[in-house]
PDB file of N, CA and C in Angstrom:
ATOM      1  N   MET A   1     142.563  84.679 132.072  1.00  0.00           N
ATOM      2  CA  MET A   1     142.043  84.685 130.798  1.00  0.00           C
ATOM      3  C   MET A   1     140.456  84.476 130.996  1.00  0.00           C
ATOM      4  N   LYS A   2     140.202  83.496 132.067  1.00  0.00           N
ATOM      5  CA  LYS A   2     138.679  83.234 131.986  1.00  0.00           C
ATOM      6  C   LYS A   2     137.906  84.398 132.847  1.00  0.00           C
ATOM      7  N   VAL A   3     138.665  85.141 133.722  1.00  0.00           N
ATOM      8  CA  VAL A   3     138.091  86.347 134.376  1.00  0.00           C
ATOM      9  C   VAL A   3     137.769  87.371 133.307  1.00  0.00           C
ATOM     10  N   SER A   4     138.733  87.686 132.197  1.00  0.00           N
ATOM     11  CA  SER A   4     138.386  88.792 131.450  1.00  0.00           C
ATOM     12  C   SER A   4     137.373  88.267 130.540  1.00  0.00           C
ATOM     13  N   TYR A   5     137.261  87.051 130.061  1.00  0.00           N
ATOM     14  CA  TYR A   5     136.009  86.358 129.091  1.00  0.00           C
ATOM     15  C   TYR A   5     134.899  86.781 129.905  1.00  0.00           C
ATOM     16  N   ILE A   6     134.719  86.487 131.299  1.00  0.00           N
ATOM     17  CA  ILE A   6     133.438  86.511 132.073  1.00  0.00           C
ATOM     18  C   ILE A   6     133.168  88.010 132.245  1.00  0.00           C
ATOM     19  N   ALA A   7     134.098  88.982 132.307  1.00  0.00           N
ATOM     20  CA  ALA A   7     133.858  90.252 132.369  1.00  0.00           C
ATOM     21  C   ALA A   7     133.219  90.871 131.170  1.00  0.00           C
ATOM     22  N   VAL A   8     133.907  90.508 130.003  1.00  0.00           N
ATOM     23  CA  VAL A   8     133.345  91.085 128.685  1.00  0.00           C
ATOM     24  C   VAL A   8     131.967  90.565 128.555  1.00  0.00           C
ATOM     25  N   CYS A   9     131.627  89.423 128.821  1.00  0.00           N
ATOM     26  CA  CYS A   9     130.272  88.833 128.726  1.00  0.00           C
ATOM     27  C   CYS A   9     129.278  89.638 129.684  1.00  0.00           C
ATOM     28  N   ALA A  10     129.740  89.835 130.974  1.00  0.00           N
ATOM     29  CA  ALA A  10     128.946  90.602 131.783  1.00  0.00           C
ATOM     30  C   ALA A  10     128.627  92.110 131.102  1.00  0.00           C
ATOM     31  N   VAL A  11     129.502  92.757 130.609  1.00  0.00           N
ATOM     32  CA  VAL A  11     129.502  94.089 130.093  1.00  0.00           C
ATOM     33  C   VAL A  11     128.516  93.991 128.826  1.00  0.00           C
ATOM     34  N   LEU A  12     128.807  92.846 127.912  1.00  0.00           N
ATOM     35  CA  LEU A  12     127.838  92.806 126.709  1.00  0.00           C
ATOM     36  C   LEU A  12     126.434  92.553 127.187  1.00  0.00           C
ATOM     37  N   VAL A  13     126.247  91.797 128.188  1.00  0.00           N
ATOM     38  CA  VAL A  13     124.875  91.747 128.711  1.00  0.00           C
ATOM     39  C   VAL A  13     124.203  92.906 129.367  1.00  0.00           C
ATOM     40  N   LEU A  14     124.898  93.579 129.980  1.00  0.00           N
ATOM     41  CA  LEU A  14     124.529  94.929 130.481  1.00  0.00           C
ATOM     42  C   LEU A  14     124.251  96.024 129.447  1.00  0.00           C
ATOM     43  N   LEU A  15     125.010  95.990 128.304  1.00  0.00           N
ATOM     44  CA  LEU A  15     124.803  96.923 127.368  1.00  0.00           C
ATOM     45  C   LEU A  15     123.730  96.385 126.381  1.00  0.00           C
ATOM     46  N   LEU A  16     123.518  95.099 126.212  1.00  0.00           N
ATOM     47  CA  LEU A  16     122.254  94.697 125.469  1.00  0.00           C
ATOM     48  C   LEU A  16     121.137  95.034 126.218  1.00  0.00           C
ATOM     49  N   ALA A  17     121.015  94.923 127.532  1.00  0.00           N
ATOM     50  CA  ALA A  17     119.801  95.172 128.458  1.00  0.00           C
ATOM     51  C   ALA A  17     119.446  96.507 128.276  1.00  0.00           C
ATOM     52  N   GLU A  18     120.338  97.375 128.270  1.00  0.00           N
ATOM     53  CA  GLU A  18     120.046  98.842 128.097  1.00  0.00           C
ATOM     54  C   GLU A  18     119.785  99.374 126.735  1.00  0.00           C
ATOM     55  N   ALA A  19     120.047  98.482 125.669  1.00  0.00           N
ATOM     56  CA  ALA A  19     119.834  98.921 124.138  1.00  0.00           C
ATOM     57  C   ALA A  19     118.372  99.029 123.858  1.00  0.00           C
ATOM     58  N   HIS A  20     118.078 100.096 123.136  1.00  0.00           N
ATOM     59  CA  HIS A  20     116.809 100.274 122.773  1.00  0.00           C
ATOM     60  C   HIS A  20     116.409  99.826 121.333  1.00  0.00           C
ATOM     61  N   ILE A  21     115.504  99.081 121.134  1.00  0.00           N
ATOM     62  CA  ILE A  21     115.207  98.603 119.726  1.00  0.00           C
ATOM     63  C   ILE A  21     114.473  99.773 119.035  1.00  0.00           C
ATOM     64  N   THR A  22     115.080 100.091 117.902  1.00  0.00           N
ATOM     65  CA  THR A  22     114.442 100.997 117.045  1.00  0.00           C
ATOM     66  C   THR A  22     113.534 100.594 115.979  1.00  0.00           C
ATOM     67  N   VAL A  23     112.410 100.701 115.812  1.00  0.00           N
ATOM     68  CA  VAL A  23     111.356 100.074 114.865  1.00  0.00           C
ATOM     69  C   VAL A  23     111.266 101.247 113.633  1.00  0.00           C
ATOM     70  N   ALA A  24     111.239 100.893 112.567  1.00  0.00           N
ATOM     71  CA  ALA A  24     111.225 101.641 111.542  1.00  0.00           C
ATOM     72  C   ALA A  24     109.607 101.891 111.329  1.00  0.00           C
ATOM     73  N   VAL A  25     109.296 103.116 111.192  1.00  0.00           N
ATOM     74  CA  VAL A  25     107.827 103.443 111.048  1.00  0.00           C
ATOM     75  C   VAL A  25     107.416 103.315 109.383  1.00  0.00           C
ATOM     76  N   THR A  26     106.349 102.640 109.335  1.00  0.00           N
ATOM     77  CA  THR A  26     105.906 102.518 107.930  1.00  0.00           C
ATOM     78  C   THR A  26     104.912 103.684 107.658  1.00  0.00           C
ATOM     79  N   CYS A  27     105.336 104.690 106.933  1.00  0.00           N
ATOM     80  CA  CYS A  27     104.497 105.901 106.440  1.00  0.00           C
ATOM     81  C   CYS A  27     103.307 105.440 105.718  1.00  0.00           C
ATOM     82  N   SER A  28     102.153 105.521 106.516  1.00  0.00           N
ATOM     83  CA  SER A  28     100.751 105.166 105.689  1.00  0.00           C
ATOM     84  C   SER A  28      99.681 106.007 106.275  1.00  0.00           C
ATOM     85  N   PRO A  29      99.323 106.939 105.382  1.00  0.00           N
ATOM     86  CA  PRO A  29      98.224 107.949 105.967  1.00  0.00           C
ATOM     87  C   PRO A  29      96.924 107.092 106.367  1.00  0.00           C
ATOM     88  N   THR A  30      96.700 106.054 105.983  1.00  0.00           N
ATOM     89  CA  THR A  30      95.556 105.365 106.300  1.00  0.00           C
ATOM     90  C   THR A  30      95.635 105.084 107.863  1.00  0.00           C
ATOM     91  N   GLU A  31      96.735 104.840 108.493  1.00  0.00           N
ATOM     92  CA  GLU A  31      96.939 104.651 109.800  1.00  0.00           C
ATOM     93  C   GLU A  31      96.340 105.864 110.745  1.00  0.00           C
ATOM     94  N   LEU A  32      95.966 106.828 110.112  1.00  0.00           N
ATOM     95  CA  LEU A  32      95.175 108.152 110.888  1.00  0.00           C
ATOM     96  C   LEU A  32      94.006 108.094 110.735  1.00  0.00           C
ATOM     97  N   SER A  33      93.332 107.089 110.154  1.00  0.00           N
ATOM     98  CA  SER A  33      91.897 106.918 109.650  1.00  0.00           C
ATOM     99  C   SER A  33      91.303 106.910 111.245  1.00  0.00           C
ATOM    100  N   SER A  34      91.743 106.552 112.138  1.00  0.00           N
ATOM    101  CA  SER A  34      90.848 106.605 113.560  1.00  0.00           C
ATOM    102  C   SER A  34      90.922 108.120 114.020  1.00  0.00           C
ATOM    103  N   CYS A  35      91.548 109.002 113.327  1.00  0.00           N
ATOM    104  CA  CYS A  35      91.398 110.599 113.704  1.00  0.00           C
ATOM    105  C   CYS A  35      90.430 111.158 112.854  1.00  0.00           C
ATOM    106  N   VAL A  36      89.912 110.630 111.858  1.00  0.00           N
ATOM    107  CA  VAL A  36      88.862 111.356 110.917  1.00  0.00           C
ATOM    108  C   VAL A  36      87.719 111.973 111.638  1.00  0.00           C
ATOM    109  N   GLY A  37      87.220 111.249 112.816  1.00  0.00           N
ATOM    110  CA  GLY A  37      86.030 111.660 113.430  1.00  0.00           C
ATOM    111  C   GLY A  37      86.422 112.939 114.251  1.00  0.00           C
ATOM    112  N   ALA A  38      87.700 112.913 114.931  1.00  0.00           N
ATOM    113  CA  ALA A  38      88.054 114.034 115.704  1.00  0.00           C
ATOM    114  C   ALA A  38      88.366 115.225 114.834  1.00  0.00           C
ATOM    115  N   ILE A  39      88.947 115.081 113.590  1.00  0.00           N
ATOM    116  CA  ILE A  39      89.285 116.205 112.788  1.00  0.00           C
ATOM    117  C   ILE A  39      87.972 116.821 112.080  1.00  0.00           C
ATOM    118  N   THR A  40      87.014 115.870 111.853  1.00  0.00           N
ATOM    119  CA  THR A  40      85.900 116.532 111.028  1.00  0.00           C
ATOM    120  C   THR A  40      84.830 117.015 111.937  1.00  0.00           C
ATOM    121  N   SER A  41      84.970 116.770 113.265  1.00  0.00           N
ATOM    122  CA  SER A  41      84.004 117.155 114.400  1.00  0.00           C
ATOM    123  C   SER A  41      84.544 117.786 115.300  1.00  0.00           C
ATOM    124  N   SER A  42      83.790 118.188 116.504  1.00  0.00           N
ATOM    125  CA  SER A  42      84.599 118.766 117.565  1.00  0.00           C
ATOM    126  C   SER A  42      84.696 117.746 118.778  1.00  0.00           C
ATOM    127  N   THR A  43      84.652 116.544 118.357  1.00  0.00           N
ATOM    128  CA  THR A  43      84.776 115.512 119.363  1.00  0.00           C
ATOM    129  C   THR A  43      86.404 115.281 119.847  1.00  0.00           C
ATOM    130  N   PRO A  44      86.600 114.959 120.862  1.00  0.00           N
ATOM    131  CA  PRO A  44      88.038 114.790 121.225  1.00  0.00           C
ATOM    132  C   PRO A  44      88.719 113.588 120.554  1.00  0.00           C
ATOM    133  N   PRO A  45      89.939 113.496 120.378  1.00  0.00           N
ATOM    134  CA  PRO A  45      90.707 112.325 119.819  1.00  0.00           C
ATOM    135  C   PRO A  45      90.579 111.227 120.691  1.00  0.00           C
ATOM    136  N   SER A  46      90.593 110.004 120.281  1.00  0.00           N
ATOM    137  CA  SER A  46      90.484 108.756 120.902  1.00  0.00           C
ATOM    138  C   SER A  46      91.855 108.495 121.276  1.00  0.00           C
ATOM    139  N   LYS A  47      92.084 107.507 122.337  1.00  0.00           N
ATOM    140  CA  LYS A  47      93.475 107.076 122.634  1.00  0.00           C
ATOM    141  C   LYS A  47      94.039 106.515 121.327  1.00  0.00           C
ATOM    142  N   LEU A  48      93.331 105.790 120.561  1.00  0.00           N
ATOM    143  CA  LEU A  48      93.986 105.145 119.389  1.00  0.00           C
ATOM    144  C   LEU A  48      94.507 106.165 118.567  1.00  0.00           C
ATOM    145  N   CYS A  49      93.501 107.299 118.299  1.00  0.00           N
ATOM    146  CA  CYS A  49      93.982 108.491 117.348  1.00  0.00           C
ATOM    147  C   CYS A  49      95.282 108.780 117.796  1.00  0.00           C
ATOM    148  N   CYS A  50      95.354 109.248 119.215  1.00  0.00           N
ATOM    149  CA  CYS A  50      96.730 109.886 119.607  1.00  0.00           C
ATOM    150  C   CYS A  50      97.973 108.977 119.421  1.00  0.00           C
ATOM    151  N   SER A  51      97.664 107.760 119.767  1.00  0.00           N
ATOM    152  CA  SER A  51      98.853 106.865 119.638  1.00  0.00           C
ATOM    153  C   SER A  51      99.116 106.648 118.111  1.00  0.00           C
ATOM    154  N   LYS A  52      98.186 106.619 117.258  1.00  0.00           N
ATOM    155  CA  LYS A  52      98.601 106.659 115.799  1.00  0.00           C
ATOM    156  C   LYS A  52      99.198 107.909 115.371  1.00  0.00           C
ATOM    157  N   ILE A  53      98.827 109.178 115.827  1.00  0.00           N
ATOM    158  CA  ILE A  53      99.490 110.381 115.518  1.00  0.00           C
ATOM    159  C   ILE A  53     101.025 110.196 115.833  1.00  0.00           C
ATOM    160  N   LYS A  54     101.262 109.687 117.073  1.00  0.00           N
ATOM    161  CA  LYS A  54     102.491 109.756 117.673  1.00  0.00           C
ATOM    162  C   LYS A  54     103.398 108.735 116.978  1.00  0.00           C
ATOM    163  N   GLU A  55     102.749 107.668 116.404  1.00  0.00           N
ATOM    164  CA  GLU A  55     103.541 106.626 115.733  1.00  0.00           C
ATOM    165  C   GLU A  55     103.683 107.095 114.360  1.00  0.00           C
ATOM    166  N   GLN A  56     103.073 108.069 113.818  1.00  0.00           N
ATOM    167  CA  GLN A  56     103.188 108.460 112.468  1.00  0.00           C
ATOM    168  C   GLN A  56     103.937 109.836 112.268  1.00  0.00           C
ATOM    169  N   LYS A  57     104.427 110.427 113.410  1.00  0.00           N
ATOM    170  CA  LYS A  57     105.003 111.711 113.655  1.00  0.00           C
ATOM    171  C   LYS A  57     106.008 111.672 112.552  1.00  0.00           C
ATOM    172  N   PRO A  58     106.880 110.860 112.478  1.00  0.00           N
ATOM    173  CA  PRO A  58     108.107 110.778 111.577  1.00  0.00           C
ATOM    174  C   PRO A  58     107.740 111.107 110.034  1.00  0.00           C
ATOM    175  N   CYS A  59     106.413 110.680 109.857  1.00  0.00           N
ATOM    176  CA  CYS A  59     105.673 110.708 108.514  1.00  0.00           C
ATOM    177  C   CYS A  59     105.293 112.115 108.069  1.00  0.00           C
ATOM    178  N   LEU A  60     104.954 113.037 109.116  1.00  0.00           N
ATOM    179  CA  LEU A  60     104.019 114.146 109.031  1.00  0.00           C
ATOM    180  C   LEU A  60     104.731 115.065 108.140  1.00  0.00           C
ATOM    181  N   CYS A  61     105.901 115.356 107.987  1.00  0.00           N
ATOM    182  CA  CYS A  61     106.316 116.219 106.924  1.00  0.00           C
ATOM    183  C   CYS A  61     106.234 115.536 105.590  1.00  0.00           C
ATOM    184  N   GLN A  62     106.341 114.430 105.484  1.00  0.00           N
ATOM    185  CA  GLN A  62     106.208 113.719 104.151  1.00  0.00           C
ATOM    186  C   GLN A  62     104.840 113.970 103.610  1.00  0.00           C
ATOM    187  N   TYR A  63     103.712 113.794 104.651  1.00  0.00           N
ATOM    188  CA  TYR A  63     102.391 114.034 104.214  1.00  0.00           C
ATOM    189  C   TYR A  63     102.114 115.555 103.825  1.00  0.00           C
ATOM    190  N   LEU A  64     102.842 116.427 104.483  1.00  0.00           N
ATOM    191  CA  LEU A  64     102.629 117.808 104.245  1.00  0.00           C
ATOM    192  C   LEU A  64     103.218 118.138 102.787  1.00  0.00           C
ATOM    193  N   LYS A  65     104.083 117.361 102.175  1.00  0.00           N
ATOM    194  CA  LYS A  65     104.699 117.653 100.947  1.00  0.00           C
ATOM    195  C   LYS A  65     103.706 117.036  99.899  1.00  0.00           C
ATOM    196  N   ASN A  66     102.888 116.144 100.277  1.00  0.00           N
ATOM    197  CA  ASN A  66     102.017 115.591  99.196  1.00  0.00           C
ATOM    198  C   ASN A  66     100.753 116.333  99.082  1.00  0.00           C
ATOM    199  N   PRO A  67     100.753 117.017  97.802  1.00  0.00           N
ATOM    200  CA  PRO A  67      99.374 117.743  97.825  1.00  0.00           C
ATOM    201  C   PRO A  67      98.084 117.364  98.039  1.00  0.00           C
ATOM    202  N   ASN A  68      97.740 116.023  97.796  1.00  0.00           N
ATOM    203  CA  ASN A  68      96.626 115.263  98.141  1.00  0.00           C
ATOM    204  C   ASN A  68      96.429 115.216  99.513  1.00  0.00           C
ATOM    205  N   LEU A  69      97.433 115.282 100.387  1.00  0.00           N
ATOM    206  CA  LEU A  69      97.468 115.007 101.958  1.00  0.00           C
ATOM    207  C   LEU A  69      97.499 116.414 102.596  1.00  0.00           C
ATOM    208  N   LYS A  70      98.131 117.212 102.080  1.00  0.00           N
ATOM    209  CA  LYS A  70      98.430 118.537 102.770  1.00  0.00           C
ATOM    210  C   LYS A  70      97.202 119.056 103.423  1.00  0.00           C
ATOM    211  N   LYS A  71      96.197 119.327 102.599  1.00  0.00           N
ATOM    212  CA  LYS A  71      94.957 119.993 102.919  1.00  0.00           C
ATOM    213  C   LYS A  71      94.383 119.176 104.261  1.00  0.00           C
ATOM    214  N   PHE A  72      94.494 118.095 104.450  1.00  0.00           N
ATOM    215  CA  PHE A  72      94.016 117.366 105.451  1.00  0.00           C
ATOM    216  C   PHE A  72      94.779 117.708 106.718  1.00  0.00           C
ATOM    217  N   VAL A  73      96.174 117.349 106.587  1.00  0.00           N
ATOM    218  CA  VAL A  73      97.148 117.347 107.566  1.00  0.00           C
ATOM    219  C   VAL A  73      97.326 118.622 108.014  1.00  0.00           C
ATOM    220  N   ASN A  74      97.328 119.705 107.387  1.00  0.00           N
ATOM    221  CA  ASN A  74      97.564 120.997 107.553  1.00  0.00           C
ATOM    222  C   ASN A  74      96.160 121.725 108.112  1.00  0.00           C
ATOM    223  N   SER A  75      95.115 121.201 108.105  1.00  0.00           N
ATOM    224  CA  SER A  75      93.863 121.830 108.588  1.00  0.00           C
ATOM    225  C   SER A  75      93.967 122.282 110.011  1.00  0.00           C
ATOM    226  N   PRO A  76      93.209 123.364 110.293  1.00  0.00           N
ATOM    227  CA  PRO A  76      93.179 123.725 111.683  1.00  0.00           C
ATOM    228  C   PRO A  76      92.784 122.624 112.602  1.00  0.00           C
ATOM    229  N   ASN A  77      91.852 121.917 112.164  1.00  0.00           N
ATOM    230  CA  ASN A  77      91.285 120.985 113.050  1.00  0.00           C
ATOM    231  C   ASN A  77      92.315 119.630 113.217  1.00  0.00           C
ATOM    232  N   ALA A  78      93.001 119.460 112.196  1.00  0.00           N
ATOM    233  CA  ALA A  78      93.976 118.260 112.284  1.00  0.00           C
ATOM    234  C   ALA A  78      95.045 118.858 113.205  1.00  0.00           C
ATOM    235  N   ARG A  79      95.564 120.170 113.010  1.00  0.00           N
ATOM    236  CA  ARG A  79      96.637 120.620 114.035  1.00  0.00           C
ATOM    237  C   ARG A  79      96.161 120.548 115.484  1.00  0.00           C
ATOM    238  N   LYS A  80      94.686 120.970 115.695  1.00  0.00           N
ATOM    239  CA  LYS A  80      94.277 120.937 117.039  1.00  0.00           C
ATOM    240  C   LYS A  80      94.251 119.599 117.706  1.00  0.00           C
ATOM    241  N   VAL A  81      93.902 118.435 116.852  1.00  0.00           N
ATOM    242  CA  VAL A  81      93.883 117.148 117.287  1.00  0.00           C
ATOM    243  C   VAL A  81      95.229 116.695 117.720  1.00  0.00           C
ATOM    244  N   ALA A  82      96.253 117.061 116.656  1.00  0.00           N
ATOM    245  CA  ALA A  82      97.648 116.598 117.004  1.00  0.00           C
ATOM    246  C   ALA A  82      98.228 117.313 118.274  1.00  0.00           C
ATOM    247  N   SER A  83      97.790 118.568 118.446  1.00  0.00           N
ATOM    248  CA  SER A  83      98.200 119.213 119.791  1.00  0.00           C
ATOM    249  C   SER A  83      97.620 118.804 120.799  1.00  0.00           C
ATOM    250  N   THR A  84      96.243 118.411 120.802  1.00  0.00           N
ATOM    251  CA  THR A  84      95.722 117.828 121.815  1.00  0.00           C
ATOM    252  C   THR A  84      96.233 116.467 122.437  1.00  0.00           C
ATOM    253  N   CYS A  85      96.729 115.694 121.367  1.00  0.00           N
ATOM    254  CA  CYS A  85      97.420 114.332 121.712  1.00  0.00           C
ATOM    255  C   CYS A  85      98.987 114.530 121.917  1.00  0.00           C
ATOM    256  N   GLY A  86      99.278 115.867 122.050  1.00  0.00           N
ATOM    257  CA  GLY A  86     100.748 115.949 122.461  1.00  0.00           C
ATOM    258  C   GLY A  86     101.675 115.886 121.502  1.00  0.00           C
ATOM    259  N   THR A  87     101.335 115.892 120.155  1.00  0.00           N
ATOM    260  CA  THR A  87     102.217 115.657 119.024  1.00  0.00           C
ATOM    261  C   THR A  87     101.855 116.951 117.877  1.00  0.00           C
ATOM    262  N   PRO A  88     102.342 118.088 118.351  1.00  0.00           N
ATOM    263  CA  PRO A  88     101.804 119.060 117.367  1.00  0.00           C
ATOM    264  C   PRO A  88     102.560 118.747 115.921  1.00  0.00           C
ATOM    265  N   ILE A  89     101.953 119.171 114.881  1.00  0.00           N
ATOM    266  CA  ILE A  89     102.346 119.136 113.299  1.00  0.00           C
ATOM    267  C   ILE A  89     103.548 119.924 113.430  1.00  0.00           C
ATOM    268  N   PRO A  90     104.803 119.428 112.869  1.00  0.00           N
ATOM    269  CA  PRO A  90     106.041 120.034 112.880  1.00  0.00           C
ATOM    270  C   PRO A  90     105.964 121.141 111.661  1.00  0.00           C
ATOM    271  N   LYS A  91     106.702 122.068 111.678  1.00  0.00           N
ATOM    272  CA  LYS A  91     107.089 123.267 110.659  1.00  0.00           C
ATOM    273  C   LYS A  91     108.063 122.504 109.592  1.00  0.00           C
ATOM    274  N   CYS A  92     107.806 121.976 108.418  1.00  0.00           N
ATOM    275  CA  CYS A  92     108.647 121.468 107.673  1.00  0.00           C
ATOM    276  C   CYS A  92     109.242 122.207 106.687  1.00  0.00           C
TER     277      CYS A  92
END
């Protein structure tokens, strides 16, 4: 009985060690403010901009559905910045 209890505990420890914690993203377009310079000029995006685009990727379709945000998110420069960061804007 003790052997099976130890085996179960060992398996649980291994499973928990391999589990990935999923953190919900809070969709906030202001999180992309570090990208404004790259979108409005020809400067390359910063590392912070790229990390924020990757973080906000699950929200991009939501932003595209918002008429106030669509013109910014869907602009050619915004698409170029996102693509440069390795996170192209999805087709929604």
